[in-house]
Amino acid sequence: MNVQNNATLNRSLQVSSYWWRGGVIYQIYPRSFQDSNGDGIGDLNGITERLGYIASLGVDAIWISPFFKSPMKDFGYDVSDYRAVDPMFGTMEDFQTLLGQAHEQGLKVMIDLVLSHTSDQHPWFSESRASQENPKADWYVWADAKSDGTAPNNWLSIFGGSAWQWDSRRQQYYLHNFLSSQPDLNFHCSDVQDALLDVARFWLDLGVDGFRLDTINFYFHDKQLRDNPALPMDQRNSSIAPQVNPYNHQDHLHSKSQPENIAFLERLRALTDEYPDRACLGEIGDAQRGLEIMGDYTTGDKRMHMCYAFEFLEKRALTAAYTKHVFDQLEEKAGDAWPCWAFSNHDVQRHASRWNLDETALRQHAVLMMCLRGSACLYQGEELGLPEADVPFENLQDPYGIEFWPEFKGRDGCRTPMVWMAQDEQSGFSTSSPWLPVSTAQAERAVDQSERDPNSMLHHYRRAIALRHAHSALRSGTQTEMTQNGSVLSFFREDDAEQIFCAFNLGSSAIEASLPQGEWRSIGGELGSVYGIGTVKLDAAQFCLLVRETR
């Protein structure tokens, strides 16, 4: 028997290097990273071509958004075959080449598993919708209409409208929390759970280092199909859906985040632990209870390794007061949780534009990310300081943006092609017209230009990541005494070897910051850290990092 599949080794394999704990993960949106065959769409071979660049950043791992076979109604998040690579992205051999070369470069590879729903073109759904008696009849969430023919309850889809779609074959409604072409799987069915765990095992056997788990709190629904209550008006400021979406009018108490999810996550973790050095990263989409759910899903060593919520993906800027509030809530609701923080990803406006950050503030935020307790996700192009691209309506691809235009422009602005060469017609992404237009504003910050400038944002990110790796306290130490004094956020990071004091002025004007007593030395000067004794004057977006040995 393959040693990786020997369940008797579970416990010993849990004692690993824990590369993920405090690790820096680089997210790749494959459609937009690098096109290797000139069809205008990024692919797996394109990622392989750029592995040297990724490794040069100093990150620990890559997370690749879905590349499975799909009709691409939601650009890969609607899977029609979990065990096949979509021809758009290449072949399984291409993926195995990518995996092998990434490992040679010292990079872990995490793939994006979308388990809460499939495409309506998945064979499972084709069989399930055929009748109410077939072997997969209960693999999806089906329900009869109310007596007046309307949907079973008031649940809403994130992408707009009812979360229920009538199906004439079964004469029933099926649940879809996203597009109507993305029917939700029924996790109350044990066969569904087993089938999905088999999918996870397939990829673990191939050698992937872990999973980013899409919409991890959407797996289970309330079996009684109870209506969601209304959300009070003062709580309808959500990062999960745009303000023009009535999804924000409900407290999604019954349509997601159900207690039964814990048992399945423990099954998934037990499977993952059969393999050495693997990790699971869950995405929690819940505007009201995100940090609490993070605690539930990551507590102990039998659930997920880490999760991320949406607190730092919101429109609300990272003021000192708000950042402290988030960590206070994390300590109160999920003190043992291991968080993973992101400022940008493929679903939200890039944080350079979302928070209207100038160059100095962008640099400061990069350092802040590397100093906060938890793991970190960087989104492709973030290391270049890319702003959000302006995509005109006639070029939009995202169904989300098309539905809510013009108040919400969708997700295409953060998904435009990566810019590699400033003077190239398509910025080095492709030799033909790409699936989304290249942003001329982004092209000014292309990789080739940034590489030549030692003071560029790209080199700053490399130095910030190197700082995290150089100090074990920043990577995996405790975080204590977080305080907010005006616009200054300060805290300590500490482990058995060292203690680090961090102070960040997250305001727009200069302020005096108090420094700890004792023998300290300054670090991070090449990143912009300033030094003082007793107090230090921090200009807008300045910071101070001090270290002392604790042995």
Protein backbone atom coordinates (compact mmCIF):
# COMPACT_ATOMS: atom_id res chain seq x y z
CA MET A 1 0.00 0.00 0.00
CA ASN A 2 1.19 3.52 -0.79
CA VAL A 3 2.55 5.03 2.42
CA GLN A 4 0.53 8.21 1.76
CA ASN A 5 -2.65 6.19 1.98
CA ASN A 6 -1.74 4.36 5.17
CA ALA A 7 -4.20 5.70 7.72
CA THR A 8 -2.09 4.36 10.60
CA LEU A 9 0.41 7.16 9.95
CA ASN A 10 -2.15 9.92 10.40
CA ARG A 11 -0.85 11.22 13.69
CA SER A 12 2.83 11.24 12.77
CA LEU A 13 2.12 13.00 9.49
CA GLN A 14 0.39 15.83 11.34
CA VAL A 15 3.78 16.71 12.82
CA SER A 16 5.08 18.47 9.72
CA SER A 17 6.92 21.62 8.84
CA TYR A 18 3.62 23.59 8.93
CA TRP A 19 4.74 25.60 5.92
CA TRP A 20 1.28 27.12 5.74
CA ARG A 21 1.39 28.62 9.23
CA GLY A 22 2.44 32.17 8.53
CA GLY A 23 3.16 31.28 4.92
CA VAL A 24 2.72 33.69 2.01
CA ILE A 25 0.45 32.34 -0.73
CA TYR A 26 0.36 33.85 -4.23
CA GLN A 27 -3.02 33.61 -5.93
CA ILE A 28 -3.07 32.99 -9.68
CA TYR A 29 -6.18 33.60 -11.78
CA PRO A 30 -5.15 31.35 -14.68
CA ARG A 31 -7.27 32.97 -17.41
CA SER A 32 -5.36 36.19 -16.88
CA PHE A 33 -1.84 35.23 -15.85
CA GLN A 34 0.03 34.15 -18.99
CA ASP A 35 -1.16 32.89 -22.37
CA SER A 36 1.30 30.38 -23.84
CA ASN A 37 -0.50 29.43 -27.06
CA GLY A 38 -1.76 32.75 -28.41
CA ASP A 39 -5.51 32.22 -27.98
CA GLY A 40 -5.92 35.22 -25.68
CA ILE A 41 -6.60 33.12 -22.57
CA GLY A 42 -4.06 32.26 -19.87
CA ASP A 43 -3.24 28.61 -19.34
CA LEU A 44 -1.27 26.13 -17.24
CA ASN A 45 1.81 26.21 -19.45
CA GLY A 46 1.80 29.98 -19.09
CA ILE A 47 1.95 29.60 -15.31
CA THR A 48 4.83 27.13 -15.69
CA GLU A 49 6.71 29.66 -17.81
CA ARG A 50 6.45 32.23 -15.01
CA LEU A 51 7.32 30.02 -12.03
CA GLY A 52 10.79 31.57 -11.80
CA TYR A 53 9.24 35.00 -11.37
CA ILE A 54 6.84 33.75 -8.70
CA ALA A 55 9.63 32.01 -6.80
CA SER A 56 11.69 35.22 -6.94
CA LEU A 57 9.03 36.94 -4.84
CA GLY A 58 9.90 34.66 -1.92
CA VAL A 59 6.38 33.30 -1.48
CA ASP A 60 5.78 29.83 -0.04
CA ALA A 61 2.96 28.60 -2.26
CA ILE A 62 0.72 29.32 -5.20
CA TRP A 63 -3.07 29.00 -5.20
CA ILE A 64 -4.45 28.40 -8.67
CA SER A 65 -8.09 29.35 -9.26
CA PRO A 66 -10.16 26.60 -10.97
CA PHE A 67 -8.85 25.03 -14.18
CA PHE A 68 -11.25 22.05 -14.20
CA LYS A 69 -13.47 21.22 -17.15
CA SER A 70 -16.30 23.76 -17.18
CA PRO A 71 -18.77 25.55 -19.47
CA MET A 72 -17.27 28.73 -17.98
CA LYS A 73 -20.55 30.42 -17.11
CA ASP A 74 -18.73 31.56 -13.94
CA PHE A 75 -15.24 31.17 -15.38
CA GLY A 76 -14.36 27.82 -13.86
CA TYR A 77 -16.32 28.06 -10.62
CA ASP A 78 -18.98 25.97 -12.36
CA VAL A 79 -17.29 22.57 -12.61
CA SER A 80 -18.54 19.88 -15.00
CA ASP A 81 -15.71 17.38 -14.32
CA TYR A 82 -13.62 17.56 -11.15
CA ARG A 83 -11.00 15.15 -12.50
CA ALA A 84 -10.31 16.81 -15.85
CA VAL A 85 -8.42 19.90 -16.96
CA ASP A 86 -10.45 22.13 -19.24
CA PRO A 87 -8.86 22.14 -22.72
CA MET A 88 -8.85 25.93 -22.51
CA PHE A 89 -6.11 25.62 -19.88
CA GLY A 90 -4.26 22.61 -21.27
CA THR A 91 -4.02 18.95 -20.29
CA MET A 92 -3.49 16.87 -17.19
CA GLU A 93 0.08 16.36 -18.36
CA ASP A 94 0.50 20.15 -18.43
CA PHE A 95 -0.69 20.33 -14.83
CA GLN A 96 1.67 17.58 -13.73
CA THR A 97 4.54 19.43 -15.40
CA LEU A 98 3.54 22.61 -13.58
CA LEU A 99 3.33 20.74 -10.29
CA GLY A 100 6.73 19.13 -10.69
CA GLN A 101 8.48 22.33 -11.73
CA ALA A 102 6.84 24.32 -8.93
CA HIS A 103 8.14 21.81 -6.41
CA GLU A 104 11.61 22.06 -7.95
CA GLN A 105 11.41 25.83 -7.37
CA GLY A 106 10.43 25.27 -3.73
CA LEU A 107 6.81 26.31 -4.25
CA LYS A 108 3.82 24.48 -2.79
CA VAL A 109 0.78 24.19 -5.07
CA MET A 110 -2.77 24.64 -3.77
CA ILE A 111 -5.75 24.18 -6.07
CA ASP A 112 -9.19 25.73 -5.79
CA LEU A 113 -11.82 23.10 -4.96
CA VAL A 114 -15.40 24.21 -5.59
CA LEU A 115 -17.43 21.67 -3.62
CA SER A 116 -20.62 23.50 -2.70
CA HIS A 117 -22.05 23.36 -6.21
CA THR A 118 -21.36 22.06 -9.71
CA SER A 119 -22.23 23.14 -13.22
CA ASP A 120 -25.68 22.16 -14.44
CA GLN A 121 -23.73 20.31 -17.15
CA HIS A 122 -22.09 17.96 -14.65
CA PRO A 123 -23.19 14.33 -15.24
CA TRP A 124 -24.29 14.13 -11.62
CA PHE A 125 -26.85 16.88 -12.19
CA SER A 126 -27.98 15.45 -15.51
CA GLU A 127 -28.84 12.22 -13.73
CA SER A 128 -30.33 13.93 -10.67
CA ARG A 129 -32.74 16.07 -12.69
CA ALA A 130 -33.93 13.17 -14.83
CA SER A 131 -36.47 11.93 -12.27
CA GLN A 132 -37.32 11.88 -8.58
CA GLU A 133 -36.43 8.20 -8.24
CA ASN A 134 -33.01 7.80 -9.89
CA PRO A 135 -29.86 6.85 -7.87
CA LYS A 136 -28.70 10.49 -7.71
CA ALA A 137 -32.13 11.99 -7.15
CA ASP A 138 -31.09 13.47 -3.81
CA TRP A 139 -27.56 14.56 -4.79
CA TYR A 140 -28.78 18.14 -5.24
CA VAL A 141 -31.17 20.27 -3.20
CA TRP A 142 -34.63 19.72 -4.66
CA ALA A 143 -37.91 20.94 -3.20
CA ASP A 144 -41.57 21.11 -4.22
CA ALA A 145 -43.19 24.41 -5.05
CA LYS A 146 -45.50 26.07 -2.56
CA SER A 147 -49.21 25.55 -3.21
CA ASP A 148 -49.29 28.71 -5.32
CA GLY A 149 -46.36 27.53 -7.46
CA THR A 150 -43.79 29.91 -5.97
CA ALA A 151 -40.34 28.99 -4.66
CA PRO A 152 -40.04 26.85 -1.49
CA ASN A 153 -38.78 29.76 0.63
CA ASN A 154 -37.34 33.28 0.50
CA TRP A 155 -33.65 32.41 0.01
CA LEU A 156 -31.78 34.68 -2.39
CA SER A 157 -28.90 34.14 -4.79
CA ILE A 158 -25.71 36.17 -4.40
CA PHE A 159 -25.88 36.81 -8.14
CA GLY A 160 -29.38 38.30 -7.91
CA GLY A 161 -32.96 37.08 -7.57
CA SER A 162 -34.31 33.91 -6.01
CA ALA A 163 -31.94 31.11 -5.06
CA TRP A 164 -34.45 28.63 -6.54
CA GLN A 165 -34.84 27.60 -10.19
CA TRP A 166 -37.82 25.65 -11.53
CA ASP A 167 -36.95 22.47 -13.42
CA SER A 168 -39.60 21.11 -15.75
CA ARG A 169 -38.11 17.59 -15.83
CA ARG A 170 -38.61 16.92 -12.13
CA GLN A 171 -41.41 19.43 -11.64
CA GLN A 172 -39.48 20.78 -8.67
CA TYR A 173 -37.22 23.68 -7.75
CA TYR A 174 -33.48 23.26 -7.22
CA LEU A 175 -31.27 25.46 -5.03
CA HIS A 176 -28.52 27.65 -6.46
CA ASN A 177 -26.77 30.11 -4.18
CA PHE A 178 -24.97 31.54 -7.21
CA LEU A 179 -25.94 31.35 -10.90
CA SER A 180 -28.93 29.21 -11.88
CA SER A 181 -26.41 27.16 -13.87
CA GLN A 182 -24.62 26.32 -10.58
CA PRO A 183 -26.96 23.94 -8.69
CA ASP A 184 -26.05 23.31 -5.05
CA LEU A 185 -25.01 19.81 -3.99
CA ASN A 186 -26.93 18.20 -1.13
CA PHE A 187 -24.35 17.57 1.61
CA HIS A 188 -27.03 15.91 3.75
CA CYS A 189 -26.59 12.98 1.35
CA SER A 190 -23.67 10.80 2.51
CA ASP A 191 -22.99 9.62 -1.06
CA VAL A 192 -22.32 13.24 -2.07
CA GLN A 193 -19.81 13.66 0.74
CA ASP A 194 -18.07 10.42 -0.22
CA ALA A 195 -17.89 11.42 -3.88
CA LEU A 196 -16.36 14.80 -3.05
CA LEU A 197 -13.81 13.26 -0.69
CA ASP A 198 -12.85 10.95 -3.54
CA VAL A 199 -12.25 14.05 -5.66
CA ALA A 200 -9.98 15.47 -2.98
CA ARG A 201 -8.09 12.18 -2.75
CA PHE A 202 -7.60 12.14 -6.53
CA TRP A 203 -5.75 15.46 -6.43
CA LEU A 204 -3.83 14.62 -3.26
CA ASP A 205 -2.61 11.44 -4.92
CA LEU A 206 -1.39 13.56 -7.83
CA GLY A 207 0.74 15.51 -5.37
CA VAL A 208 -1.01 18.84 -4.76
CA ASP A 209 -0.04 20.45 -1.46
CA GLY A 210 -3.50 21.55 -0.40
CA PHE A 211 -6.79 23.15 -1.27
CA ARG A 212 -8.32 26.56 -1.23
CA LEU A 213 -11.95 25.66 -0.53
CA ASP A 214 -14.43 27.94 -2.24
CA THR A 215 -17.47 29.09 -0.22
CA ILE A 216 -16.69 26.61 2.54
CA ASN A 217 -19.63 27.68 4.72
CA PHE A 218 -22.17 27.10 1.91
CA TYR A 219 -21.92 23.32 1.93
CA PHE A 220 -24.97 22.60 4.08
CA HIS A 221 -28.45 24.11 4.06
CA ASP A 222 -31.23 23.93 6.63
CA LYS A 223 -33.09 20.67 5.98
CA GLN A 224 -36.35 22.29 7.05
CA LEU A 225 -35.90 25.04 4.41
CA ARG A 226 -36.92 27.74 6.88
CA ASP A 227 -37.11 31.32 5.62
CA ASN A 228 -34.18 33.60 6.36
CA PRO A 229 -35.08 36.50 8.65
CA ALA A 230 -34.73 40.09 7.51
CA LEU A 231 -31.49 41.87 8.41
CA PRO A 232 -31.84 45.17 10.28
CA MET A 233 -31.20 48.19 8.07
CA ASP A 234 -28.10 49.25 10.00
CA GLN A 235 -26.43 45.88 9.32
CA ARG A 236 -26.84 45.83 5.55
CA ASN A 237 -23.33 47.09 4.77
CA SER A 238 -21.93 43.83 3.42
CA SER A 239 -18.65 42.92 1.71
CA ILE A 240 -20.21 39.70 0.41
CA ALA A 241 -22.49 41.35 -2.15
CA PRO A 242 -22.79 44.86 -3.66
CA GLN A 243 -25.12 47.29 -1.95
CA VAL A 244 -27.55 47.25 -4.87
CA ASN A 245 -28.13 43.52 -4.33
CA PRO A 246 -31.15 42.56 -2.16
CA TYR A 247 -29.07 39.63 -0.90
CA ASN A 248 -27.93 42.11 1.74
CA HIS A 249 -31.49 42.42 3.07
CA GLN A 250 -31.41 39.00 4.72
CA ASP A 251 -29.66 37.38 7.62
CA HIS A 252 -28.66 34.12 5.89
CA LEU A 253 -29.29 32.07 8.97
CA HIS A 254 -30.64 28.97 7.23
CA SER A 255 -29.27 28.99 3.70
CA LYS A 256 -25.60 28.54 4.76
CA SER A 257 -23.22 28.19 7.75
CA GLN A 258 -25.06 25.21 9.21
CA PRO A 259 -23.69 23.26 12.21
CA GLU A 260 -23.62 19.98 10.26
CA ASN A 261 -20.70 21.39 8.26
CA ILE A 262 -18.26 20.74 11.09
CA ALA A 263 -18.46 16.95 10.75
CA PHE A 264 -17.75 17.09 7.03
CA LEU A 265 -14.78 19.42 7.52
CA GLU A 266 -13.39 16.94 10.02
CA ARG A 267 -13.73 14.17 7.43
CA LEU A 268 -11.91 16.34 4.89
CA ARG A 269 -9.14 17.18 7.37
CA ALA A 270 -8.73 13.50 8.29
CA LEU A 271 -8.29 12.67 4.62
CA THR A 272 -5.80 15.50 4.13
CA ASP A 273 -3.81 14.36 7.15
CA GLU A 274 -3.16 11.02 5.47
CA TYR A 275 -0.71 12.96 3.30
CA PRO A 276 2.34 14.81 4.65
CA ASP A 277 2.58 18.59 4.62
CA ARG A 278 -0.85 19.32 3.13
CA ALA A 279 -3.10 22.22 4.10
CA CYS A 280 -6.71 23.37 3.67
CA LEU A 281 -7.63 27.06 3.36
CA GLY A 282 -11.33 27.83 3.60
CA GLU A 283 -13.14 30.88 2.23
CA ILE A 284 -15.89 32.06 4.59
CA GLY A 285 -18.57 34.19 2.99
CA ASP A 286 -20.64 35.50 5.88
CA ALA A 287 -20.92 39.20 6.62
CA GLN A 288 -22.40 38.78 10.09
CA ARG A 289 -20.53 35.81 11.57
CA GLY A 290 -17.35 35.44 9.52
CA LEU A 291 -14.82 35.53 12.38
CA GLU A 292 -16.97 33.33 14.60
CA ILE A 293 -17.22 30.75 11.82
CA MET A 294 -13.46 31.01 11.29
CA GLY A 295 -13.01 29.99 14.91
CA ASP A 296 -15.45 27.08 14.57
CA TYR A 297 -13.79 25.82 11.39
CA THR A 298 -10.13 26.05 12.48
CA THR A 299 -10.17 25.26 16.20
CA GLY A 300 -8.01 22.30 17.25
CA ASP A 301 -6.23 20.02 14.78
CA LYS A 302 -9.20 18.14 13.33
CA ARG A 303 -10.77 20.86 11.18
CA MET A 304 -9.37 23.27 8.62
CA HIS A 305 -5.77 24.45 8.90
CA MET A 306 -6.77 28.06 8.22
CA CYS A 307 -9.62 30.19 6.90
CA TYR A 308 -10.14 33.70 5.67
CA ALA A 309 -13.16 35.94 6.07
CA PHE A 310 -13.91 39.22 4.30
CA GLU A 311 -13.03 41.81 6.95
CA PHE A 312 -9.98 43.08 5.02
CA LEU A 313 -11.64 42.68 1.62
CA GLU A 314 -14.30 45.28 2.44
CA LYS A 315 -14.63 48.77 1.05
CA ARG A 316 -13.90 50.05 4.56
CA ALA A 317 -10.27 51.15 4.82
CA LEU A 318 -7.76 49.75 7.31
CA THR A 319 -7.83 52.46 9.92
CA ALA A 320 -6.10 51.78 13.22
CA ALA A 321 -9.50 51.60 14.97
CA TYR A 322 -11.01 49.17 12.47
CA THR A 323 -7.98 46.89 12.36
CA LYS A 324 -7.93 46.68 16.16
CA HIS A 325 -11.67 46.00 16.15
CA VAL A 326 -11.18 43.06 13.77
CA PHE A 327 -8.46 41.54 15.93
CA ASP A 328 -10.43 42.17 19.11
CA GLN A 329 -13.36 40.31 17.56
CA LEU A 330 -11.05 37.55 16.40
CA GLU A 331 -9.68 37.17 19.93
CA GLU A 332 -13.16 37.17 21.45
CA LYS A 333 -14.85 34.83 19.00
CA ALA A 334 -12.00 32.75 17.66
CA GLY A 335 -8.97 33.06 19.89
CA ASP A 336 -7.47 29.76 18.66
CA ALA A 337 -8.24 30.37 14.98
CA TRP A 338 -5.45 30.62 12.44
CA PRO A 339 -6.51 33.37 10.03
CA CYS A 340 -5.31 34.03 6.52
CA TRP A 341 -5.49 37.66 5.44
CA ALA A 342 -5.97 39.11 1.96
CA PHE A 343 -6.38 42.69 0.80
CA SER A 344 -7.20 41.79 -2.82
CA ASN A 345 -8.42 38.78 -4.77
CA HIS A 346 -10.34 37.83 -7.92
CA ASP A 347 -13.73 38.79 -6.43
CA VAL A 348 -13.17 42.35 -5.15
CA GLN A 349 -11.85 45.66 -6.41
CA ARG A 350 -8.07 45.86 -6.07
CA HIS A 351 -7.19 47.46 -2.74
CA ALA A 352 -5.01 50.17 -4.29
CA SER A 353 -8.22 51.60 -5.78
CA ARG A 354 -10.71 50.35 -3.21
CA TRP A 355 -8.94 52.21 -0.42
CA ASN A 356 -7.57 54.99 -2.65
CA LEU A 357 -4.01 54.40 -1.46
CA ASP A 358 -1.08 56.44 -2.69
CA GLU A 359 2.33 54.89 -3.31
CA THR A 360 3.55 55.40 0.26
CA ALA A 361 0.41 53.93 1.79
CA LEU A 362 0.54 50.94 -0.55
CA ARG A 363 4.07 50.20 0.61
CA GLN A 364 3.05 50.53 4.24
CA HIS A 365 0.10 48.17 3.77
CA ALA A 366 2.38 45.55 2.24
CA VAL A 367 4.57 45.65 5.35
CA LEU A 368 1.54 45.60 7.64
CA MET A 369 0.29 42.44 5.92
CA MET A 370 3.63 40.77 6.57
CA CYS A 371 3.57 41.76 10.25
CA LEU A 372 0.05 40.66 11.20
CA ARG A 373 -0.53 37.31 12.86
CA GLY A 374 -1.79 34.79 10.34
CA SER A 375 -0.97 33.60 6.86
CA ALA A 376 -1.12 35.96 3.88
CA CYS A 377 -2.59 35.77 0.39
CA LEU A 378 -1.26 38.03 -2.35
CA TYR A 379 -3.23 38.37 -5.57
CA GLN A 380 -1.39 38.41 -8.90
CA GLY A 381 -0.30 41.95 -9.74
CA GLU A 382 -0.69 43.15 -6.17
CA GLU A 383 3.10 43.09 -5.90
CA LEU A 384 3.21 45.65 -8.74
CA GLY A 385 0.80 48.00 -6.98
CA LEU A 386 -1.78 47.58 -9.74
CA PRO A 387 -4.92 49.71 -9.52
CA GLU A 388 -8.33 48.43 -10.58
CA ALA A 389 -8.74 48.35 -14.36
CA ASP A 390 -11.59 50.25 -15.98
CA VAL A 391 -13.48 47.79 -18.19
CA PRO A 392 -16.23 49.35 -20.32
CA PHE A 393 -19.64 47.69 -20.36
CA GLU A 394 -19.25 46.38 -23.92
CA ASN A 395 -16.18 44.40 -22.82
CA LEU A 396 -17.65 42.96 -19.63
CA GLN A 397 -17.58 39.18 -19.20
CA ASP A 398 -18.65 38.83 -15.56
CA PRO A 399 -22.38 37.94 -15.24
CA TYR A 400 -22.35 39.54 -11.80
CA GLY A 401 -21.33 42.92 -13.22
CA ILE A 402 -23.67 42.68 -16.18
CA GLU A 403 -26.59 42.02 -13.79
CA PHE A 404 -25.94 45.01 -11.51
CA TRP A 405 -24.35 47.53 -13.91
CA PRO A 406 -23.71 50.46 -13.59
CA GLU A 407 -23.89 50.75 -9.78
CA PHE A 408 -21.72 47.62 -9.51
CA LYS A 409 -19.26 46.97 -12.32
CA GLY A 410 -18.53 43.39 -11.40
CA ARG A 411 -15.24 41.58 -10.99
CA ASP A 412 -13.64 42.06 -14.39
CA GLY A 413 -11.66 45.10 -13.26
CA CYS A 414 -9.51 42.94 -10.99
CA ARG A 415 -9.27 40.10 -13.52
CA THR A 416 -7.67 41.84 -16.49
CA PRO A 417 -4.46 40.27 -17.86
CA MET A 418 -1.22 40.39 -15.92
CA VAL A 419 1.17 43.02 -17.28
CA TRP A 420 4.63 41.68 -18.06
CA MET A 421 6.07 44.04 -20.70
CA ALA A 422 5.26 47.74 -20.68
CA GLN A 423 5.86 48.38 -24.39
CA ASP A 424 4.26 45.21 -25.76
CA GLU A 425 0.84 45.60 -27.39
CA GLN A 426 -0.76 43.11 -25.01
CA SER A 427 1.76 43.76 -22.20
CA GLY A 428 3.42 40.39 -22.80
CA PHE A 429 0.32 38.47 -21.75
CA SER A 430 -0.60 37.15 -25.19
CA THR A 431 0.20 37.49 -28.88
CA SER A 432 -3.48 38.00 -29.70
CA SER A 433 -6.41 39.97 -28.37
CA PRO A 434 -7.07 38.77 -24.78
CA TRP A 435 -10.38 37.73 -23.26
CA LEU A 436 -10.41 40.98 -21.27
CA PRO A 437 -8.63 44.12 -22.47
CA VAL A 438 -5.20 44.91 -21.08
CA SER A 439 -5.28 48.01 -18.88
CA THR A 440 -3.02 50.79 -20.12
CA ALA A 441 -2.94 52.25 -16.59
CA GLN A 442 -1.67 48.91 -15.29
CA ALA A 443 0.83 48.49 -18.13
CA GLU A 444 2.86 51.40 -16.78
CA ARG A 445 3.72 49.16 -13.82
CA ALA A 446 4.63 46.08 -15.89
CA VAL A 447 7.10 43.56 -14.53
CA ASP A 448 9.93 44.47 -16.93
CA GLN A 449 9.76 48.12 -15.91
CA SER A 450 9.52 47.24 -12.24
CA GLU A 451 12.48 44.85 -12.37
CA ARG A 452 14.75 47.64 -13.65
CA ASP A 453 13.80 50.05 -10.86
CA PRO A 454 15.31 49.04 -7.48
CA ASN A 455 12.79 51.31 -5.75
CA SER A 456 9.74 49.81 -7.46
CA MET A 457 6.77 48.31 -5.65
CA LEU A 458 7.84 44.88 -6.89
CA HIS A 459 11.18 45.05 -5.12
CA HIS A 460 9.47 46.49 -2.05
CA TYR A 461 7.19 43.44 -1.86
CA ARG A 462 10.19 41.14 -2.19
CA ARG A 463 11.86 42.91 0.72
CA ALA A 464 8.66 42.81 2.82
CA ILE A 465 8.24 39.06 2.24
CA ALA A 466 11.94 38.52 3.02
CA LEU A 467 11.48 40.42 6.29
CA ARG A 468 8.68 38.03 7.29
CA HIS A 469 10.83 35.00 6.51
CA ALA A 470 13.85 36.45 8.33
CA HIS A 471 11.94 36.79 11.61
CA SER A 472 10.23 33.72 13.03
CA ALA A 473 8.14 35.92 15.34
CA LEU A 474 6.53 37.60 12.32
CA ARG A 475 5.87 34.31 10.60
CA SER A 476 4.32 32.28 13.38
CA GLY A 477 4.75 34.03 16.72
CA THR A 478 2.06 35.27 19.06
CA GLN A 479 0.50 38.71 18.70
CA THR A 480 -0.16 40.72 21.85
CA GLU A 481 -0.97 44.17 23.20
CA MET A 482 -2.57 45.52 20.04
CA THR A 483 -3.47 49.12 20.78
CA GLN A 484 -4.90 52.06 18.89
CA ASN A 485 -3.76 55.57 19.74
CA GLY A 486 -5.31 58.01 17.32
CA SER A 487 -4.26 56.82 13.88
CA VAL A 488 -1.44 54.62 15.21
CA LEU A 489 -1.87 50.87 15.41
CA SER A 490 0.77 49.08 17.49
CA PHE A 491 1.33 45.50 18.63
CA PHE A 492 3.98 42.96 19.58
CA ARG A 493 4.92 39.74 17.79
CA GLU A 494 6.89 37.24 19.85
CA ASP A 495 8.24 33.70 19.94
CA ASP A 496 10.96 31.89 21.86
CA ALA A 497 13.73 33.68 19.96
CA GLU A 498 12.64 37.29 19.59
CA GLN A 499 10.11 40.01 20.29
CA ILE A 500 9.15 42.56 17.64
CA PHE A 501 7.34 45.84 18.20
CA CYS A 502 5.29 47.15 15.28
CA ALA A 503 3.72 50.62 14.99
CA PHE A 504 1.88 51.84 11.89
CA ASN A 505 0.42 55.30 11.31
CA LEU A 506 -2.65 54.48 9.25
CA GLY A 507 -3.81 58.09 9.17
CA SER A 508 -3.25 61.01 6.80
CA SER A 509 -1.25 63.30 9.12
CA ALA A 510 1.83 63.03 11.34
CA ILE A 511 1.51 61.77 14.91
CA GLU A 512 3.77 60.94 17.86
CA ALA A 513 3.94 57.24 18.74
CA SER A 514 5.16 55.82 22.04
CA LEU A 515 7.89 53.19 21.89
CA PRO A 516 8.57 50.39 24.39
CA GLN A 517 11.28 50.71 27.01
CA GLY A 518 14.47 48.64 26.94
CA GLU A 519 17.16 47.63 24.49
CA TRP A 520 15.73 47.46 20.99
CA ARG A 521 17.21 47.72 17.52
CA SER A 522 15.51 48.94 14.38
CA ILE A 523 14.64 46.61 11.50
CA GLY A 524 13.02 47.16 8.13
CA GLY A 525 14.82 50.39 7.36
CA GLU A 526 15.07 49.42 3.69
CA LEU A 527 11.25 49.19 3.69
CA GLY A 528 10.76 52.63 5.22
CA SER A 529 10.77 51.79 8.92
CA VAL A 530 11.86 54.71 11.11
CA TYR A 531 13.62 54.61 14.47
CA GLY A 532 13.35 56.57 17.69
CA ILE A 533 13.85 56.37 21.45
CA GLY A 534 10.91 56.84 23.82
CA THR A 535 8.71 58.29 21.10
CA VAL A 536 8.90 58.64 17.36
CA LYS A 537 7.19 60.97 14.96
CA LEU A 538 5.36 58.95 12.32
CA ASP A 539 4.36 60.81 9.20
CA ALA A 540 1.30 59.66 7.27
CA ALA A 541 1.75 56.00 6.23
CA GLN A 542 5.03 55.66 8.13
CA PHE A 543 5.84 52.79 10.45
CA CYS A 544 8.37 51.69 13.05
CA LEU A 545 9.67 48.14 13.56
CA LEU A 546 11.89 47.23 16.53
CA VAL A 547 13.32 43.87 17.63
CA ARG A 548 15.06 42.36 20.63
CA GLU A 549 16.13 38.83 21.47
CA THR A 550 14.15 36.96 24.13
CA ARG A 551 16.49 34.02 24.72
